[in-house]
Amino acid sequence: MTKYGLYYKGATEIASQHINLIDMPTAEHAEAYFAGVKRLDLERFRKLFVVKEISENQKTLLYGNK
């Protein structure tokens, strides 16, 4: 499984922290999951949010020292 993060679309660098994380097999699964959590259809969801894959080298202190 791959980690995916939910971000506000068009967020500036300061506000580019992910909103939520999930382990899913594909980006499409993650997008559908987050859209369901936000109770939005995919069209509306995509206007407000973007789902990005979280790579291992993007770990911060929030993930620990692994």
N, C-alpha and C. Protein backbone atom coordinates (compact mmCIF):
# COMPACT_ATOMS: atom_id res chain seq x y z
N MET A 1 0.84 -1.18 0.00
CA MET A 1 0.00 0.00 0.00
C MET A 1 0.88 1.24 0.00
N THR A 2 0.32 2.29 -0.50
CA THR A 2 1.02 3.56 -0.61
C THR A 2 0.32 4.60 0.24
N LYS A 3 1.08 5.52 0.80
CA LYS A 3 0.49 6.63 1.58
C LYS A 3 0.10 7.77 0.66
N TYR A 4 -1.09 8.32 0.89
CA TYR A 4 -1.57 9.48 0.14
C TYR A 4 -2.00 10.55 1.13
N GLY A 5 -1.74 11.80 0.76
CA GLY A 5 -2.11 12.93 1.60
C GLY A 5 -3.17 13.77 0.92
N LEU A 6 -4.01 14.37 1.72
CA LEU A 6 -5.05 15.28 1.25
C LEU A 6 -4.57 16.70 1.49
N TYR A 7 -4.63 17.53 0.45
CA TYR A 7 -4.18 18.92 0.52
C TYR A 7 -5.25 19.85 -0.04
N TYR A 8 -5.28 21.08 0.48
CA TYR A 8 -6.12 22.10 -0.13
C TYR A 8 -5.55 22.45 -1.49
N LYS A 9 -6.39 22.58 -2.47
CA LYS A 9 -5.93 22.92 -3.81
C LYS A 9 -5.47 24.37 -3.82
N GLY A 10 -4.32 24.61 -4.44
CA GLY A 10 -3.79 25.97 -4.54
C GLY A 10 -3.21 26.51 -3.26
N ALA A 11 -2.90 25.64 -2.31
CA ALA A 11 -2.34 26.09 -1.03
C ALA A 11 -0.94 26.65 -1.23
N THR A 12 -0.62 27.67 -0.48
CA THR A 12 0.72 28.25 -0.54
C THR A 12 1.69 27.35 0.21
N GLU A 13 2.96 27.63 0.11
CA GLU A 13 3.97 26.82 0.79
C GLU A 13 3.71 26.72 2.29
N ILE A 14 3.31 27.82 2.88
CA ILE A 14 3.07 27.83 4.33
C ILE A 14 1.90 26.92 4.69
N ALA A 15 0.88 26.92 3.84
CA ALA A 15 -0.32 26.12 4.12
C ALA A 15 -0.31 24.79 3.38
N SER A 16 0.86 24.32 2.97
CA SER A 16 0.91 23.10 2.16
C SER A 16 0.98 21.82 2.97
N GLN A 17 0.77 21.90 4.28
CA GLN A 17 0.74 20.70 5.09
C GLN A 17 -0.48 19.87 4.73
N HIS A 18 -0.31 18.57 4.76
CA HIS A 18 -1.45 17.70 4.45
C HIS A 18 -2.52 17.83 5.52
N ILE A 19 -3.74 17.60 5.13
CA ILE A 19 -4.88 17.64 6.04
C ILE A 19 -5.07 16.28 6.70
N ASN A 20 -4.87 15.24 5.90
CA ASN A 20 -5.09 13.88 6.37
C ASN A 20 -4.23 12.93 5.56
N LEU A 21 -3.94 11.76 6.11
CA LEU A 21 -3.16 10.72 5.43
C LEU A 21 -3.93 9.42 5.44
N ILE A 22 -3.72 8.61 4.40
CA ILE A 22 -4.36 7.30 4.31
C ILE A 22 -3.46 6.36 3.52
N ASP A 23 -3.50 5.08 3.84
CA ASP A 23 -2.82 4.05 3.05
C ASP A 23 -3.84 3.44 2.11
N MET A 24 -3.60 3.52 0.82
CA MET A 24 -4.50 2.98 -0.19
C MET A 24 -3.69 2.38 -1.33
N PRO A 25 -4.28 1.46 -2.09
CA PRO A 25 -3.55 0.86 -3.21
C PRO A 25 -3.30 1.81 -4.37
N THR A 26 -4.21 2.76 -4.62
CA THR A 26 -4.04 3.70 -5.74
C THR A 26 -4.50 5.10 -5.34
N ALA A 27 -4.09 6.08 -6.14
CA ALA A 27 -4.51 7.47 -5.91
C ALA A 27 -6.02 7.61 -6.09
N GLU A 28 -6.58 6.85 -7.03
CA GLU A 28 -8.03 6.90 -7.26
C GLU A 28 -8.81 6.42 -6.05
N HIS A 29 -8.31 5.36 -5.41
CA HIS A 29 -8.96 4.87 -4.18
C HIS A 29 -8.87 5.93 -3.08
N ALA A 30 -7.71 6.54 -2.94
CA ALA A 30 -7.52 7.57 -1.92
C ALA A 30 -8.44 8.76 -2.17
N GLU A 31 -8.53 9.18 -3.43
CA GLU A 31 -9.39 10.31 -3.78
C GLU A 31 -10.85 9.99 -3.46
N ALA A 32 -11.30 8.80 -3.81
CA ALA A 32 -12.68 8.40 -3.51
C ALA A 32 -12.93 8.35 -2.00
N TYR A 33 -11.96 7.84 -1.26
CA TYR A 33 -12.08 7.78 0.19
C TYR A 33 -12.22 9.18 0.79
N PHE A 34 -11.29 10.08 0.42
CA PHE A 34 -11.32 11.44 0.96
C PHE A 34 -12.59 12.18 0.56
N ALA A 35 -13.06 11.98 -0.67
CA ALA A 35 -14.30 12.61 -1.12
C ALA A 35 -15.47 12.14 -0.26
N GLY A 36 -15.48 10.85 0.08
CA GLY A 36 -16.53 10.31 0.95
C GLY A 36 -16.46 10.89 2.35
N VAL A 37 -15.25 11.04 2.87
CA VAL A 37 -15.07 11.62 4.21
C VAL A 37 -15.59 13.06 4.22
N LYS A 38 -15.31 13.80 3.15
CA LYS A 38 -15.74 15.19 3.06
C LYS A 38 -17.19 15.32 2.60
N ARG A 39 -17.80 14.19 2.24
CA ARG A 39 -19.19 14.16 1.77
C ARG A 39 -19.41 15.04 0.55
N LEU A 40 -18.48 14.91 -0.40
CA LEU A 40 -18.55 15.66 -1.65
C LEU A 40 -18.50 14.70 -2.82
N ASP A 41 -19.19 15.05 -3.92
CA ASP A 41 -19.02 14.25 -5.13
C ASP A 41 -17.63 14.56 -5.68
N LEU A 42 -17.12 13.70 -6.55
CA LEU A 42 -15.73 13.85 -7.03
C LEU A 42 -15.50 15.17 -7.74
N GLU A 43 -16.47 15.64 -8.51
CA GLU A 43 -16.30 16.91 -9.24
C GLU A 43 -16.08 18.07 -8.26
N ARG A 44 -16.90 18.15 -7.26
CA ARG A 44 -16.77 19.21 -6.26
C ARG A 44 -15.49 19.05 -5.43
N PHE A 45 -15.20 17.81 -5.07
CA PHE A 45 -14.00 17.51 -4.29
C PHE A 45 -12.75 17.99 -5.02
N ARG A 46 -12.67 17.70 -6.32
CA ARG A 46 -11.49 18.07 -7.11
C ARG A 46 -11.32 19.57 -7.27
N LYS A 47 -12.38 20.34 -7.09
CA LYS A 47 -12.27 21.81 -7.15
C LYS A 47 -11.63 22.37 -5.89
N LEU A 48 -11.74 21.64 -4.78
CA LEU A 48 -11.28 22.14 -3.49
C LEU A 48 -9.99 21.48 -2.98
N PHE A 49 -9.79 20.22 -3.34
CA PHE A 49 -8.70 19.44 -2.77
C PHE A 49 -7.90 18.72 -3.84
N VAL A 50 -6.70 18.30 -3.46
CA VAL A 50 -5.86 17.47 -4.31
C VAL A 50 -5.26 16.36 -3.44
N VAL A 51 -5.13 15.17 -4.02
CA VAL A 51 -4.55 14.02 -3.33
C VAL A 51 -3.19 13.76 -3.95
N LYS A 52 -2.17 13.66 -3.09
CA LYS A 52 -0.81 13.43 -3.57
C LYS A 52 -0.19 12.24 -2.85
N GLU A 53 0.65 11.51 -3.58
CA GLU A 53 1.38 10.40 -2.98
C GLU A 53 2.45 10.96 -2.05
N ILE A 54 2.60 10.34 -0.89
CA ILE A 54 3.62 10.73 0.08
C ILE A 54 4.78 9.76 -0.08
N SER A 55 5.91 10.27 -0.51
CA SER A 55 7.07 9.40 -0.68
C SER A 55 7.83 9.30 0.64
N GLU A 56 8.64 8.29 0.75
CA GLU A 56 9.41 8.04 1.99
C GLU A 56 10.31 9.21 2.36
N ASN A 57 10.86 9.93 1.38
CA ASN A 57 11.79 11.02 1.69
C ASN A 57 11.07 12.29 2.13
N GLN A 58 9.73 12.28 2.19
CA GLN A 58 8.99 13.44 2.65
C GLN A 58 8.63 13.35 4.13
N LYS A 59 9.17 12.37 4.83
CA LYS A 59 8.87 12.21 6.25
C LYS A 59 9.38 13.41 7.04
N THR A 60 8.59 13.82 8.02
CA THR A 60 8.96 14.92 8.89
C THR A 60 8.94 14.40 10.33
N LEU A 61 9.11 15.29 11.28
CA LEU A 61 9.08 14.89 12.68
C LEU A 61 7.73 14.26 13.06
N LEU A 62 6.68 14.61 12.33
CA LEU A 62 5.38 14.02 12.62
C LEU A 62 5.38 12.51 12.41
N TYR A 63 6.26 12.02 11.55
CA TYR A 63 6.33 10.58 11.27
C TYR A 63 7.35 9.87 12.15
N GLY A 64 8.05 10.58 12.95
CA GLY A 64 9.09 9.96 13.78
C GLY A 64 10.41 9.92 13.05
N ASN A 65 11.36 9.22 13.60
CA ASN A 65 12.72 9.19 13.06
C ASN A 65 12.98 7.96 12.20
N LYS A 66 11.98 7.34 11.66
CA LYS A 66 12.16 6.14 10.83
C LYS A 66 12.65 6.51 9.46
